[in-house]
Amino acid sequence: MKTNKIFGLILLIIGVAIIIYGLYSSFKIFTAKETAPEIFKTQAQTITEKPGGVEQEMGKAVGEQLQKMLPTDSVPRLLNLISWSLWAAILIFSGTQIAGLGIKLLK
């Protein structure tokens, strides 16, 4: 009986620690004190310029305007934040389940 209570208390502490770690890490990432783990990365692109005319100048101007509206690294950064959010949700869910098992053993 006493070992069940000790094991339940250990599980409760581990579950709460997992939840706190997930929340604290998310807080640091979303307040920009740390960066999210890079799962999605951008690759450097090299553009070879051909001597051309008006079409190339128009393409270059359109590319510059698109670059101003949607920076190159914004999509991978958004995907990295989404993947971190999913990981944090999994951490919080698993911490809740572990703490719940600990509470059941304490009763």
C-alpha atoms as a PDB file:
ATOM      1  CA  MET A   1       0.000   0.000   0.000  1.00  0.00           C
ATOM      2  CA  LYS A   2       2.786   2.396   0.889  1.00  0.00           C
ATOM      3  CA  THR A   3       4.688   1.640  -2.330  1.00  0.00           C
ATOM      4  CA  ASN A   4       1.580   2.552  -4.353  1.00  0.00           C
ATOM      5  CA  LYS A   5       1.450   5.948  -2.658  1.00  0.00           C
ATOM      6  CA  ILE A   6       5.163   6.576  -3.236  1.00  0.00           C
ATOM      7  CA  PHE A   7       4.919   5.493  -6.866  1.00  0.00           C
ATOM      8  CA  GLY A   8       1.783   7.622  -7.290  1.00  0.00           C
ATOM      9  CA  LEU A   9       3.538  10.663  -5.852  1.00  0.00           C
ATOM     10  CA  ILE A  10       6.524  10.112  -8.183  1.00  0.00           C
ATOM     11  CA  LEU A  11       4.201   9.844 -11.194  1.00  0.00           C
ATOM     12  CA  LEU A  12       2.339  12.975 -10.120  1.00  0.00           C
ATOM     13  CA  ILE A  13       5.589  14.942  -9.813  1.00  0.00           C
ATOM     14  CA  ILE A  14       6.852  13.681 -13.194  1.00  0.00           C
ATOM     15  CA  GLY A  15       3.552  14.556 -14.880  1.00  0.00           C
ATOM     16  CA  VAL A  16       3.481  18.062 -13.450  1.00  0.00           C
ATOM     17  CA  ALA A  17       7.155  18.557 -14.390  1.00  0.00           C
ATOM     18  CA  ILE A  18       6.427  17.565 -18.007  1.00  0.00           C
ATOM     19  CA  ILE A  19       3.517  20.012 -18.148  1.00  0.00           C
ATOM     20  CA  ILE A  20       5.590  22.847 -16.659  1.00  0.00           C
ATOM     21  CA  TYR A  21       8.471  22.139 -19.059  1.00  0.00           C
ATOM     22  CA  GLY A  22       6.139  22.242 -22.069  1.00  0.00           C
ATOM     23  CA  LEU A  23       4.484  25.470 -20.971  1.00  0.00           C
ATOM     24  CA  TYR A  24       7.756  27.205 -20.050  1.00  0.00           C
ATOM     25  CA  SER A  25       9.430  26.217 -23.317  1.00  0.00           C
ATOM     26  CA  SER A  26       6.414  27.424 -25.281  1.00  0.00           C
ATOM     27  CA  PHE A  27       6.443  30.700 -23.379  1.00  0.00           C
ATOM     28  CA  LYS A  28      10.113  31.265 -24.232  1.00  0.00           C
ATOM     29  CA  ILE A  29       9.562  30.408 -27.907  1.00  0.00           C
ATOM     30  CA  PHE A  30       6.462  32.545 -28.391  1.00  0.00           C
ATOM     31  CA  THR A  31       8.016  35.538 -26.609  1.00  0.00           C
ATOM     32  CA  ALA A  32      11.026  35.241 -28.980  1.00  0.00           C
ATOM     33  CA  LYS A  33      13.549  34.535 -26.223  1.00  0.00           C
ATOM     34  CA  GLU A  34      14.362  31.269 -28.007  1.00  0.00           C
ATOM     35  CA  THR A  35      13.766  30.021 -31.519  1.00  0.00           C
ATOM     36  CA  ALA A  36      11.594  27.051 -32.316  1.00  0.00           C
ATOM     37  CA  PRO A  37      13.429  23.890 -33.334  1.00  0.00           C
ATOM     38  CA  GLU A  38      14.114  23.963 -37.060  1.00  0.00           C
ATOM     39  CA  ILE A  39      12.244  21.110 -38.640  1.00  0.00           C
ATOM     40  CA  PHE A  40      11.492  22.978 -41.847  1.00  0.00           C
ATOM     41  CA  LYS A  41      14.439  24.807 -43.392  1.00  0.00           C
ATOM     42  CA  THR A  42      14.860  27.028 -46.410  1.00  0.00           C
ATOM     43  CA  GLN A  43      17.436  26.294 -49.035  1.00  0.00           C
ATOM     44  CA  ALA A  44      19.526  29.042 -50.526  1.00  0.00           C
ATOM     45  CA  GLN A  45      18.579  29.655 -54.128  1.00  0.00           C
ATOM     46  CA  THR A  46      20.987  30.983 -56.678  1.00  0.00           C
ATOM     47  CA  ILE A  47      19.549  32.885 -59.572  1.00  0.00           C
ATOM     48  CA  THR A  48      21.511  33.056 -62.757  1.00  0.00           C
ATOM     49  CA  GLU A  49      20.873  36.212 -64.660  1.00  0.00           C
ATOM     50  CA  LYS A  50      20.615  36.070 -68.393  1.00  0.00           C
ATOM     51  CA  PRO A  51      20.994  39.164 -70.455  1.00  0.00           C
ATOM     52  CA  GLY A  52      17.448  40.028 -71.324  1.00  0.00           C
ATOM     53  CA  GLY A  53      14.971  42.717 -71.899  1.00  0.00           C
ATOM     54  CA  VAL A  54      11.754  43.965 -70.481  1.00  0.00           C
ATOM     55  CA  GLU A  55      10.480  40.522 -69.403  1.00  0.00           C
ATOM     56  CA  GLN A  56      13.428  39.964 -67.129  1.00  0.00           C
ATOM     57  CA  GLU A  57      13.138  43.420 -65.586  1.00  0.00           C
ATOM     58  CA  MET A  58       9.411  42.878 -64.965  1.00  0.00           C
ATOM     59  CA  GLY A  59      10.090  39.480 -63.416  1.00  0.00           C
ATOM     60  CA  LYS A  60      12.752  40.992 -61.198  1.00  0.00           C
ATOM     61  CA  ALA A  61      10.414  43.805 -60.091  1.00  0.00           C
ATOM     62  CA  VAL A  62       7.588  41.380 -59.327  1.00  0.00           C
ATOM     63  CA  GLY A  63      10.001  39.165 -57.389  1.00  0.00           C
ATOM     64  CA  GLU A  64      11.169  42.091 -55.286  1.00  0.00           C
ATOM     65  CA  GLN A  65       7.597  43.113 -54.497  1.00  0.00           C
ATOM     66  CA  LEU A  66       6.686  39.547 -53.497  1.00  0.00           C
ATOM     67  CA  GLN A  67       9.789  39.435 -51.310  1.00  0.00           C
ATOM     68  CA  LYS A  68       8.575  42.556 -49.478  1.00  0.00           C
ATOM     69  CA  MET A  69       5.084  41.135 -48.904  1.00  0.00           C
ATOM     70  CA  LEU A  70       6.099  37.590 -47.949  1.00  0.00           C
ATOM     71  CA  PRO A  71       9.684  37.205 -46.736  1.00  0.00           C
ATOM     72  CA  THR A  72      11.476  34.016 -47.720  1.00  0.00           C
ATOM     73  CA  ASP A  73      11.784  32.596 -44.214  1.00  0.00           C
ATOM     74  CA  SER A  74       8.221  33.349 -43.050  1.00  0.00           C
ATOM     75  CA  VAL A  75       6.612  30.107 -44.261  1.00  0.00           C
ATOM     76  CA  PRO A  76       9.202  27.737 -42.720  1.00  0.00           C
ATOM     77  CA  ARG A  77       9.135  29.793 -39.510  1.00  0.00           C
ATOM     78  CA  LEU A  78       5.349  29.459 -39.356  1.00  0.00           C
ATOM     79  CA  LEU A  79       5.578  25.706 -39.984  1.00  0.00           C
ATOM     80  CA  ASN A  80       8.206  25.402 -37.232  1.00  0.00           C
ATOM     81  CA  LEU A  81       5.930  27.223 -34.787  1.00  0.00           C
ATOM     82  CA  ILE A  82       3.003  24.987 -35.725  1.00  0.00           C
ATOM     83  CA  SER A  83       5.111  21.857 -35.271  1.00  0.00           C
ATOM     84  CA  TRP A  84       6.305  23.138 -31.884  1.00  0.00           C
ATOM     85  CA  SER A  85       2.695  23.819 -30.873  1.00  0.00           C
ATOM     86  CA  LEU A  86       1.743  20.244 -31.739  1.00  0.00           C
ATOM     87  CA  TRP A  87       4.725  18.920 -29.757  1.00  0.00           C
ATOM     88  CA  ALA A  88       3.798  21.107 -26.767  1.00  0.00           C
ATOM     89  CA  ALA A  89       0.209  19.822 -26.938  1.00  0.00           C
ATOM     90  CA  ILE A  90       1.498  16.242 -26.912  1.00  0.00           C
ATOM     91  CA  LEU A  91       3.723  17.054 -23.911  1.00  0.00           C
ATOM     92  CA  ILE A  92       0.858  18.607 -21.979  1.00  0.00           C
ATOM     93  CA  PHE A  93      -1.489  15.732 -22.812  1.00  0.00           C
ATOM     94  CA  SER A  94       1.062  13.095 -21.779  1.00  0.00           C
ATOM     95  CA  GLY A  95       1.906  14.991 -18.591  1.00  0.00           C
ATOM     96  CA  THR A  96      -1.786  15.118 -17.752  1.00  0.00           C
ATOM     97  CA  GLN A  97      -2.155  11.383 -18.296  1.00  0.00           C
ATOM     98  CA  ILE A  98       0.901  10.572 -16.160  1.00  0.00           C
ATOM     99  CA  ALA A  99      -0.254  12.893 -13.373  1.00  0.00           C
ATOM    100  CA  GLY A 100      -3.726  11.322 -13.564  1.00  0.00           C
ATOM    101  CA  LEU A 101      -2.232   7.884 -13.046  1.00  0.00           C
ATOM    102  CA  GLY A 102      -0.308   9.219 -10.068  1.00  0.00           C
ATOM    103  CA  ILE A 103      -3.471  10.667  -8.547  1.00  0.00           C
ATOM    104  CA  LYS A 104      -5.299   7.347  -8.997  1.00  0.00           C
ATOM    105  CA  LEU A 105      -2.490   5.545  -7.192  1.00  0.00           C
ATOM    106  CA  LEU A 106      -2.575   8.066  -4.350  1.00  0.00           C
ATOM    107  CA  LYS A 107      -6.289   7.376  -3.696  1.00  0.00           C
END
